[in-house]
Amino acid sequence: MEQVAQGINSNQFNVYPAPKYSIDLLNRQFKTKLVYGKAVNHSNAYPMFNKKADPKLVKAVNKAMEELKKDGTIKKLSNKWLKGDYVPKD
């Protein structure tokens, strides 16, 4: 992240495709002045398993993730660890 911030702050490049939490992290920690642009990916997938993963396990994890999202646990964790609400909206 530090190298990315150095590249941005030195005008080596002026675009950095990243999720919102990464942009916020760069702006907070390294004083970059990045702004959000148009999203290029609209996936709400959680990249936890490869395509060969056990379908029963994937289904169980997806169900648990949905329950954690509904009860606000994921939002609380996002705010605590990422310093913002980065839970995908349905």
PDB file of N, CA and C in Angstrom:
ATOM      1  N   MET A   1       0.820  -1.180   0.000  1.00  0.00           N
ATOM      2  CA  MET A   1       0.000   0.000   0.000  1.00  0.00           C
ATOM      3  C   MET A   1       0.874   1.257   0.000  1.00  0.00           C
ATOM      4  N   GLU A   2       2.000   1.169   0.712  1.00  0.00           N
ATOM      5  CA  GLU A   2       2.872   2.336   0.765  1.00  0.00           C
ATOM      6  C   GLU A   2       3.414   2.686  -0.624  1.00  0.00           C
ATOM      7  N   GLN A   3       3.762   1.660  -1.405  1.00  0.00           N
ATOM      8  CA  GLN A   3       4.265   1.909  -2.763  1.00  0.00           C
ATOM      9  C   GLN A   3       3.180   2.511  -3.648  1.00  0.00           C
ATOM     10  N   VAL A   4       1.966   2.051  -3.487  1.00  0.00           N
ATOM     11  CA  VAL A   4       0.843   2.620  -4.244  1.00  0.00           C
ATOM     12  C   VAL A   4       0.693   4.091  -3.876  1.00  0.00           C
ATOM     13  N   ALA A   5       0.713   4.392  -2.589  1.00  0.00           N
ATOM     14  CA  ALA A   5       0.573   5.776  -2.141  1.00  0.00           C
ATOM     15  C   ALA A   5       1.708   6.648  -2.679  1.00  0.00           C
ATOM     16  N   GLN A   6       2.923   6.132  -2.683  1.00  0.00           N
ATOM     17  CA  GLN A   6       4.050   6.892  -3.209  1.00  0.00           C
ATOM     18  C   GLN A   6       3.861   7.184  -4.696  1.00  0.00           C
ATOM     19  N   GLY A   7       3.395   6.195  -5.437  1.00  0.00           N
ATOM     20  CA  GLY A   7       3.143   6.385  -6.860  1.00  0.00           C
ATOM     21  C   GLY A   7       2.068   7.422  -7.126  1.00  0.00           C
ATOM     22  N   ILE A   8       1.046   7.415  -6.319  1.00  0.00           N
ATOM     23  CA  ILE A   8      -0.035   8.392  -6.478  1.00  0.00           C
ATOM     24  C   ILE A   8       0.452   9.783  -6.085  1.00  0.00           C
ATOM     25  N   ASN A   9       1.081   9.887  -4.929  1.00  0.00           N
ATOM     26  CA  ASN A   9       1.527  11.194  -4.441  1.00  0.00           C
ATOM     27  C   ASN A   9       2.621  11.817  -5.305  1.00  0.00           C
ATOM     28  N   SER A  10       3.392  10.994  -6.021  1.00  0.00           N
ATOM     29  CA  SER A  10       4.451  11.522  -6.887  1.00  0.00           C
ATOM     30  C   SER A  10       3.966  11.719  -8.327  1.00  0.00           C
ATOM     31  N   ASN A  11       2.664  11.499  -8.551  1.00  0.00           N
ATOM     32  CA  ASN A  11       2.068  11.622  -9.894  1.00  0.00           C
ATOM     33  C   ASN A  11       2.627  10.613 -10.895  1.00  0.00           C
ATOM     34  N   GLN A  12       3.178   9.511 -10.392  1.00  0.00           N
ATOM     35  CA  GLN A  12       3.629   8.443 -11.278  1.00  0.00           C
ATOM     36  C   GLN A  12       2.417   7.832 -11.975  1.00  0.00           C
ATOM     37  N   PHE A  13       1.302   7.761 -11.267  1.00  0.00           N
ATOM     38  CA  PHE A  13       0.023   7.357 -11.850  1.00  0.00           C
ATOM     39  C   PHE A  13      -1.085   8.050 -11.076  1.00  0.00           C
ATOM     40  N   ASN A  14      -2.274   8.120 -11.687  1.00  0.00           N
ATOM     41  CA  ASN A  14      -3.355   8.837 -11.025  1.00  0.00           C
ATOM     42  C   ASN A  14      -4.655   8.043 -10.969  1.00  0.00           C
ATOM     43  N   VAL A  15      -4.575   6.766 -11.258  1.00  0.00           N
ATOM     44  CA  VAL A  15      -5.743   5.899 -11.166  1.00  0.00           C
ATOM     45  C   VAL A  15      -5.326   4.647 -10.404  1.00  0.00           C
ATOM     46  N   TYR A  16      -6.172   4.225  -9.500  1.00  0.00           N
ATOM     47  CA  TYR A  16      -5.899   3.003  -8.746  1.00  0.00           C
ATOM     48  C   TYR A  16      -7.200   2.234  -8.581  1.00  0.00           C
ATOM     49  N   PRO A  17      -7.404   1.183  -9.365  1.00  0.00           N
ATOM     50  CA  PRO A  17      -8.643   0.408  -9.228  1.00  0.00           C
ATOM     51  C   PRO A  17      -8.604  -0.422  -7.949  1.00  0.00           C
ATOM     52  N   ALA A  18      -9.509  -0.124  -7.050  1.00  0.00           N
ATOM     53  CA  ALA A  18      -9.527  -0.808  -5.762  1.00  0.00           C
ATOM     54  C   ALA A  18     -10.900  -0.684  -5.135  1.00  0.00           C
ATOM     55  N   PRO A  19     -11.204  -1.575  -4.200  1.00  0.00           N
ATOM     56  CA  PRO A  19     -12.477  -1.430  -3.485  1.00  0.00           C
ATOM     57  C   PRO A  19     -12.449  -0.189  -2.599  1.00  0.00           C
ATOM     58  N   LYS A  20     -13.623   0.264  -2.236  1.00  0.00           N
ATOM     59  CA  LYS A  20     -13.773   1.502  -1.466  1.00  0.00           C
ATOM     60  C   LYS A  20     -12.941   1.495  -0.182  1.00  0.00           C
ATOM     61  N   TYR A  21     -12.907   0.364   0.531  1.00  0.00           N
ATOM     62  CA  TYR A  21     -12.156   0.333   1.781  1.00  0.00           C
ATOM     63  C   TYR A  21     -10.664   0.554   1.554  1.00  0.00           C
ATOM     64  N   SER A  22     -10.131   0.106   0.423  1.00  0.00           N
ATOM     65  CA  SER A  22      -8.714   0.333   0.127  1.00  0.00           C
ATOM     66  C   SER A  22      -8.443   1.802  -0.159  1.00  0.00           C
ATOM     67  N   ILE A  23      -9.372   2.441  -0.866  1.00  0.00           N
ATOM     68  CA  ILE A  23      -9.235   3.870  -1.155  1.00  0.00           C
ATOM     69  C   ILE A  23      -9.257   4.662   0.158  1.00  0.00           C
ATOM     70  N   ASP A  24     -10.192   4.324   1.042  1.00  0.00           N
ATOM     71  CA  ASP A  24     -10.267   5.005   2.332  1.00  0.00           C
ATOM     72  C   ASP A  24      -8.992   4.782   3.145  1.00  0.00           C
ATOM     73  N   LEU A  25      -8.483   3.574   3.127  1.00  0.00           N
ATOM     74  CA  LEU A  25      -7.248   3.263   3.850  1.00  0.00           C
ATOM     75  C   LEU A  25      -6.078   4.090   3.320  1.00  0.00           C
ATOM     76  N   LEU A  26      -5.934   4.159   2.014  1.00  0.00           N
ATOM     77  CA  LEU A  26      -4.861   4.962   1.426  1.00  0.00           C
ATOM     78  C   LEU A  26      -4.999   6.431   1.822  1.00  0.00           C
ATOM     79  N   ASN A  27      -6.200   6.950   1.730  1.00  0.00           N
ATOM     80  CA  ASN A  27      -6.414   8.358   2.080  1.00  0.00           C
ATOM     81  C   ASN A  27      -6.120   8.637   3.557  1.00  0.00           C
ATOM     82  N   ARG A  28      -6.499   7.712   4.430  1.00  0.00           N
ATOM     83  CA  ARG A  28      -6.260   7.900   5.866  1.00  0.00           C
ATOM     84  C   ARG A  28      -4.787   7.756   6.230  1.00  0.00           C
ATOM     85  N   GLN A  29      -4.189   6.670   5.784  1.00  0.00           N
ATOM     86  CA  GLN A  29      -2.834   6.360   6.242  1.00  0.00           C
ATOM     87  C   GLN A  29      -1.738   7.114   5.502  1.00  0.00           C
ATOM     88  N   PHE A  30      -1.959   7.402   4.228  1.00  0.00           N
ATOM     89  CA  PHE A  30      -0.870   7.946   3.420  1.00  0.00           C
ATOM     90  C   PHE A  30      -1.179   9.317   2.838  1.00  0.00           C
ATOM     91  N   LYS A  31      -2.298   9.902   3.283  1.00  0.00           N
ATOM     92  CA  LYS A  31      -2.658  11.264   2.865  1.00  0.00           C
ATOM     93  C   LYS A  31      -2.807  11.426   1.354  1.00  0.00           C
ATOM     94  N   THR A  32      -3.226  10.358   0.682  1.00  0.00           N
ATOM     95  CA  THR A  32      -3.545  10.493  -0.736  1.00  0.00           C
ATOM     96  C   THR A  32      -4.871  11.232  -0.837  1.00  0.00           C
ATOM     97  N   LYS A  33      -5.216  11.650  -2.014  1.00  0.00           N
ATOM     98  CA  LYS A  33      -6.469  12.390  -2.209  1.00  0.00           C
ATOM     99  C   LYS A  33      -7.312  11.695  -3.279  1.00  0.00           C
ATOM    100  N   LEU A  34      -7.402  10.376  -3.149  1.00  0.00           N
ATOM    101  CA  LEU A  34      -8.177   9.608  -4.121  1.00  0.00           C
ATOM    102  C   LEU A  34      -9.667   9.849  -3.924  1.00  0.00           C
ATOM    103  N   VAL A  35     -10.399   9.833  -5.010  1.00  0.00           N
ATOM    104  CA  VAL A  35     -11.854   9.927  -4.968  1.00  0.00           C
ATOM    105  C   VAL A  35     -12.417   8.686  -5.640  1.00  0.00           C
ATOM    106  N   TYR A  36     -13.639   8.370  -5.310  1.00  0.00           N
ATOM    107  CA  TYR A  36     -14.274   7.186  -5.873  1.00  0.00           C
ATOM    108  C   TYR A  36     -14.783   7.495  -7.263  1.00  0.00           C
ATOM    109  N   GLY A  37     -14.586   6.544  -8.138  1.00  0.00           N
ATOM    110  CA  GLY A  37     -15.128   6.661  -9.481  1.00  0.00           C
ATOM    111  C   GLY A  37     -16.230   5.645  -9.684  1.00  0.00           C
ATOM    112  N   LYS A  38     -16.544   5.399 -10.904  1.00  0.00           N
ATOM    113  CA  LYS A  38     -17.573   4.431 -11.250  1.00  0.00           C
ATOM    114  C   LYS A  38     -17.061   3.012 -10.979  1.00  0.00           C
ATOM    115  N   ALA A  39     -17.891   2.201 -10.360  1.00  0.00           N
ATOM    116  CA  ALA A  39     -17.518   0.815 -10.084  1.00  0.00           C
ATOM    117  C   ALA A  39     -17.399   0.037 -11.385  1.00  0.00           C
ATOM    118  N   VAL A  40     -16.397  -0.817 -11.447  1.00  0.00           N
ATOM    119  CA  VAL A  40     -16.223  -1.656 -12.635  1.00  0.00           C
ATOM    120  C   VAL A  40     -16.660  -3.086 -12.380  1.00  0.00           C
ATOM    121  N   ASN A  41     -16.956  -3.403 -11.138  1.00  0.00           N
ATOM    122  CA  ASN A  41     -17.374  -4.752 -10.788  1.00  0.00           C
ATOM    123  C   ASN A  41     -18.528  -4.637  -9.805  1.00  0.00           C
ATOM    124  N   HIS A  42     -19.605  -5.296 -10.086  1.00  0.00           N
ATOM    125  CA  HIS A  42     -20.786  -5.209  -9.223  1.00  0.00           C
ATOM    126  C   HIS A  42     -21.066  -6.526  -8.507  1.00  0.00           C
ATOM    127  N   SER A  43     -20.058  -7.328  -8.315  1.00  0.00           N
ATOM    128  CA  SER A  43     -20.239  -8.623  -7.674  1.00  0.00           C
ATOM    129  C   SER A  43     -20.363  -8.468  -6.166  1.00  0.00           C
ATOM    130  N   ASN A  44     -21.283  -9.191  -5.576  1.00  0.00           N
ATOM    131  CA  ASN A  44     -21.404  -9.251  -4.124  1.00  0.00           C
ATOM    132  C   ASN A  44     -20.832 -10.562  -3.595  1.00  0.00           C
ATOM    133  N   ALA A  45     -20.053 -11.240  -4.408  1.00  0.00           N
ATOM    134  CA  ALA A  45     -19.497 -12.533  -4.022  1.00  0.00           C
ATOM    135  C   ALA A  45     -18.398 -12.354  -2.975  1.00  0.00           C
ATOM    136  N   TYR A  46     -18.290 -13.315  -2.111  1.00  0.00           N
ATOM    137  CA  TYR A  46     -17.189 -13.359  -1.157  1.00  0.00           C
ATOM    138  C   TYR A  46     -16.161 -14.331  -1.723  1.00  0.00           C
ATOM    139  N   PRO A  47     -14.958 -13.888  -2.030  1.00  0.00           N
ATOM    140  CA  PRO A  47     -13.967 -14.757  -2.666  1.00  0.00           C
ATOM    141  C   PRO A  47     -13.312 -15.695  -1.664  1.00  0.00           C
ATOM    142  N   MET A  48     -14.058 -16.699  -1.245  1.00  0.00           N
ATOM    143  CA  MET A  48     -13.541 -17.602  -0.225  1.00  0.00           C
ATOM    144  C   MET A  48     -13.208 -18.990  -0.752  1.00  0.00           C
ATOM    145  N   PHE A  49     -13.848 -19.419  -1.819  1.00  0.00           N
ATOM    146  CA  PHE A  49     -13.690 -20.783  -2.281  1.00  0.00           C
ATOM    147  C   PHE A  49     -13.405 -20.814  -3.770  1.00  0.00           C
ATOM    148  N   ASN A  50     -12.670 -21.810  -4.186  1.00  0.00           N
ATOM    149  CA  ASN A  50     -12.508 -21.989  -5.630  1.00  0.00           C
ATOM    150  C   ASN A  50     -13.692 -22.767  -6.172  1.00  0.00           C
ATOM    151  N   LYS A  51     -13.759 -22.921  -7.474  1.00  0.00           N
ATOM    152  CA  LYS A  51     -14.912 -23.557  -8.115  1.00  0.00           C
ATOM    153  C   LYS A  51     -15.041 -25.033  -7.764  1.00  0.00           C
ATOM    154  N   LYS A  52     -14.002 -25.644  -7.265  1.00  0.00           N
ATOM    155  CA  LYS A  52     -14.046 -27.066  -6.939  1.00  0.00           C
ATOM    156  C   LYS A  52     -14.389 -27.324  -5.478  1.00  0.00           C
ATOM    157  N   ALA A  53     -14.721 -26.287  -4.735  1.00  0.00           N
ATOM    158  CA  ALA A  53     -15.033 -26.448  -3.314  1.00  0.00           C
ATOM    159  C   ALA A  53     -16.287 -27.304  -3.136  1.00  0.00           C
ATOM    160  N   ASP A  54     -16.389 -27.904  -2.001  1.00  0.00           N
ATOM    161  CA  ASP A  54     -17.543 -28.738  -1.658  1.00  0.00           C
ATOM    162  C   ASP A  54     -18.812 -27.884  -1.686  1.00  0.00           C
ATOM    163  N   PRO A  55     -19.773 -28.223  -2.576  1.00  0.00           N
ATOM    164  CA  PRO A  55     -20.999 -27.417  -2.689  1.00  0.00           C
ATOM    165  C   PRO A  55     -21.775 -27.291  -1.374  1.00  0.00           C
ATOM    166  N   LYS A  56     -21.774 -28.327  -0.546  1.00  0.00           N
ATOM    167  CA  LYS A  56     -22.481 -28.261   0.744  1.00  0.00           C
ATOM    168  C   LYS A  56     -21.811 -27.243   1.672  1.00  0.00           C
ATOM    169  N   LEU A  57     -20.486 -27.222   1.655  1.00  0.00           N
ATOM    170  CA  LEU A  57     -19.762 -26.266   2.474  1.00  0.00           C
ATOM    171  C   LEU A  57     -20.023 -24.840   1.986  1.00  0.00           C
ATOM    172  N   VAL A  58     -19.970 -24.641   0.684  1.00  0.00           N
ATOM    173  CA  VAL A  58     -20.222 -23.317   0.115  1.00  0.00           C
ATOM    174  C   VAL A  58     -21.622 -22.845   0.505  1.00  0.00           C
ATOM    175  N   LYS A  59     -22.612 -23.722   0.389  1.00  0.00           N
ATOM    176  CA  LYS A  59     -23.986 -23.369   0.740  1.00  0.00           C
ATOM    177  C   LYS A  59     -24.101 -23.013   2.218  1.00  0.00           C
ATOM    178  N   ALA A  60     -23.441 -23.786   3.080  1.00  0.00           N
ATOM    179  CA  ALA A  60     -23.494 -23.523   4.516  1.00  0.00           C
ATOM    180  C   ALA A  60     -22.830 -22.185   4.859  1.00  0.00           C
ATOM    181  N   VAL A  61     -21.706 -21.904   4.233  1.00  0.00           N
ATOM    182  CA  VAL A  61     -21.010 -20.634   4.493  1.00  0.00           C
ATOM    183  C   VAL A  61     -21.839 -19.472   3.975  1.00  0.00           C
ATOM    184  N   ASN A  62     -22.409 -19.600   2.782  1.00  0.00           N
ATOM    185  CA  ASN A  62     -23.257 -18.539   2.234  1.00  0.00           C
ATOM    186  C   ASN A  62     -24.443 -18.254   3.151  1.00  0.00           C
ATOM    187  N   LYS A  63     -25.037 -19.301   3.685  1.00  0.00           N
ATOM    188  CA  LYS A  63     -26.176 -19.140   4.596  1.00  0.00           C
ATOM    189  C   LYS A  63     -25.727 -18.410   5.863  1.00  0.00           C
ATOM    190  N   ALA A  64     -24.605 -18.823   6.420  1.00  0.00           N
ATOM    191  CA  ALA A  64     -24.099 -18.182   7.631  1.00  0.00           C
ATOM    192  C   ALA A  64     -23.744 -16.716   7.370  1.00  0.00           C
ATOM    193  N   MET A  65     -23.139 -16.430   6.228  1.00  0.00           N
ATOM    194  CA  MET A  65     -22.794 -15.056   5.880  1.00  0.00           C
ATOM    195  C   MET A  65     -24.048 -14.194   5.758  1.00  0.00           C
ATOM    196  N   GLU A  66     -25.091 -14.744   5.158  1.00  0.00           N
ATOM    197  CA  GLU A  66     -26.347 -14.001   5.012  1.00  0.00           C
ATOM    198  C   GLU A  66     -26.956 -13.699   6.387  1.00  0.00           C
ATOM    199  N   GLU A  67     -26.890 -14.669   7.302  1.00  0.00           N
ATOM    200  CA  GLU A  67     -27.413 -14.449   8.652  1.00  0.00           C
ATOM    201  C   GLU A  67     -26.608 -13.368   9.378  1.00  0.00           C
ATOM    202  N   LEU A  68     -25.278 -13.407   9.218  1.00  0.00           N
ATOM    203  CA  LEU A  68     -24.424 -12.400   9.849  1.00  0.00           C
ATOM    204  C   LEU A  68     -24.661 -11.014   9.255  1.00  0.00           C
ATOM    205  N   LYS A  69     -24.984 -10.984   7.975  1.00  0.00           N
ATOM    206  CA  LYS A  69     -25.294  -9.708   7.328  1.00  0.00           C
ATOM    207  C   LYS A  69     -26.626  -9.174   7.854  1.00  0.00           C
ATOM    208  N   LYS A  70     -27.628 -10.043   7.949  1.00  0.00           N
ATOM    209  CA  LYS A  70     -28.953  -9.622   8.412  1.00  0.00           C
ATOM    210  C   LYS A  70     -28.934  -9.123   9.848  1.00  0.00           C
ATOM    211  N   ASP A  71     -28.155  -9.768  10.722  1.00  0.00           N
ATOM    212  CA  ASP A  71     -28.172  -9.356  12.131  1.00  0.00           C
ATOM    213  C   ASP A  71     -27.194  -8.213  12.438  1.00  0.00           C
ATOM    214  N   GLY A  72     -26.489  -7.742  11.409  1.00  0.00           N
ATOM    215  CA  GLY A  72     -25.616  -6.586  11.577  1.00  0.00           C
ATOM    216  C   GLY A  72     -24.189  -6.885  11.995  1.00  0.00           C
ATOM    217  N   THR A  73     -23.876  -8.160  12.174  1.00  0.00           N
ATOM    218  CA  THR A  73     -22.529  -8.528  12.619  1.00  0.00           C
ATOM    219  C   THR A  73     -21.465  -8.123  11.606  1.00  0.00           C
ATOM    220  N   ILE A  74     -21.708  -8.360  10.327  1.00  0.00           N
ATOM    221  CA  ILE A  74     -20.712  -8.028   9.311  1.00  0.00           C
ATOM    222  C   ILE A  74     -20.506  -6.520   9.252  1.00  0.00           C
ATOM    223  N   LYS A  75     -21.571  -5.762   9.382  1.00  0.00           N
ATOM    224  CA  LYS A  75     -21.441  -4.300   9.380  1.00  0.00           C
ATOM    225  C   LYS A  75     -20.595  -3.836  10.566  1.00  0.00           C
ATOM    226  N   LYS A  76     -20.836  -4.413  11.742  1.00  0.00           N
ATOM    227  CA  LYS A  76     -20.056  -4.049  12.923  1.00  0.00           C
ATOM    228  C   LYS A  76     -18.577  -4.370  12.716  1.00  0.00           C
ATOM    229  N   LEU A  77     -18.297  -5.542  12.157  1.00  0.00           N
ATOM    230  CA  LEU A  77     -16.906  -5.928  11.891  1.00  0.00           C
ATOM    231  C   LEU A  77     -16.268  -5.019  10.844  1.00  0.00           C
ATOM    232  N   SER A  78     -17.025  -4.673   9.823  1.00  0.00           N
ATOM    233  CA  SER A  78     -16.527  -3.772   8.786  1.00  0.00           C
ATOM    234  C   SER A  78     -16.164  -2.418   9.389  1.00  0.00           C
ATOM    235  N   ASN A  79     -17.049  -1.886  10.212  1.00  0.00           N
ATOM    236  CA  ASN A  79     -16.776  -0.601  10.856  1.00  0.00           C
ATOM    237  C   ASN A  79     -15.573  -0.674  11.797  1.00  0.00           C
ATOM    238  N   LYS A  80     -15.474  -1.770  12.528  1.00  0.00           N
ATOM    239  CA  LYS A  80     -14.371  -1.917  13.482  1.00  0.00           C
ATOM    240  C   LYS A  80     -13.027  -2.063  12.780  1.00  0.00           C
ATOM    241  N   TRP A  81     -12.945  -2.964  11.809  1.00  0.00           N
ATOM    242  CA  TRP A  81     -11.659  -3.319  11.220  1.00  0.00           C
ATOM    243  C   TRP A  81     -11.323  -2.528   9.957  1.00  0.00           C
ATOM    244  N   LEU A  82     -12.323  -2.097   9.211  1.00  0.00           N
ATOM    245  CA  LEU A  82     -12.064  -1.366   7.969  1.00  0.00           C
ATOM    246  C   LEU A  82     -12.399   0.118   8.088  1.00  0.00           C
ATOM    247  N   LYS A  83     -12.915   0.513   9.244  1.00  0.00           N
ATOM    248  CA  LYS A  83     -13.248   1.912   9.533  1.00  0.00           C
ATOM    249  C   LYS A  83     -14.329   2.467   8.609  1.00  0.00           C
ATOM    250  N   GLY A  84     -15.277   1.624   8.221  1.00  0.00           N
ATOM    251  CA  GLY A  84     -16.390   2.056   7.387  1.00  0.00           C
ATOM    252  C   GLY A  84     -17.299   0.892   7.069  1.00  0.00           C
ATOM    253  N   ASP A  85     -18.486   1.187   6.582  1.00  0.00           N
ATOM    254  CA  ASP A  85     -19.465   0.163   6.199  1.00  0.00           C
ATOM    255  C   ASP A  85     -19.239  -0.235   4.747  1.00  0.00           C
ATOM    256  N   TYR A  86     -18.607  -1.387   4.552  1.00  0.00           N
ATOM    257  CA  TYR A  86     -18.317  -1.872   3.205  1.00  0.00           C
ATOM    258  C   TYR A  86     -19.099  -3.151   2.889  1.00  0.00           C
ATOM    259  N   VAL A  87     -20.212  -3.331   3.558  1.00  0.00           N
ATOM    260  CA  VAL A  87     -21.067  -4.495   3.303  1.00  0.00           C
ATOM    261  C   VAL A  87     -21.818  -4.251   2.006  1.00  0.00           C
ATOM    262  N   PRO A  88     -21.739  -5.209   1.060  1.00  0.00           N
ATOM    263  CA  PRO A  88     -22.449  -5.020  -0.218  1.00  0.00           C
ATOM    264  C   PRO A  88     -23.942  -4.835   0.001  1.00  0.00           C
ATOM    265  N   LYS A  89     -24.525  -3.930  -0.743  1.00  0.00           N
ATOM    266  CA  LYS A  89     -25.967  -3.724  -0.685  1.00  0.00           C
ATOM    267  C   LYS A  89     -26.631  -4.693  -1.661  1.00  0.00           C
ATOM    268  N   ASP A  90     -27.791  -5.180  -1.272  1.00  0.00           N
ATOM    269  CA  ASP A  90     -28.518  -6.108  -2.154  1.00  0.00           C
ATOM    270  C   ASP A  90     -29.262  -5.352  -3.222  1.00  0.00           C
TER     271      ASP A  90
END
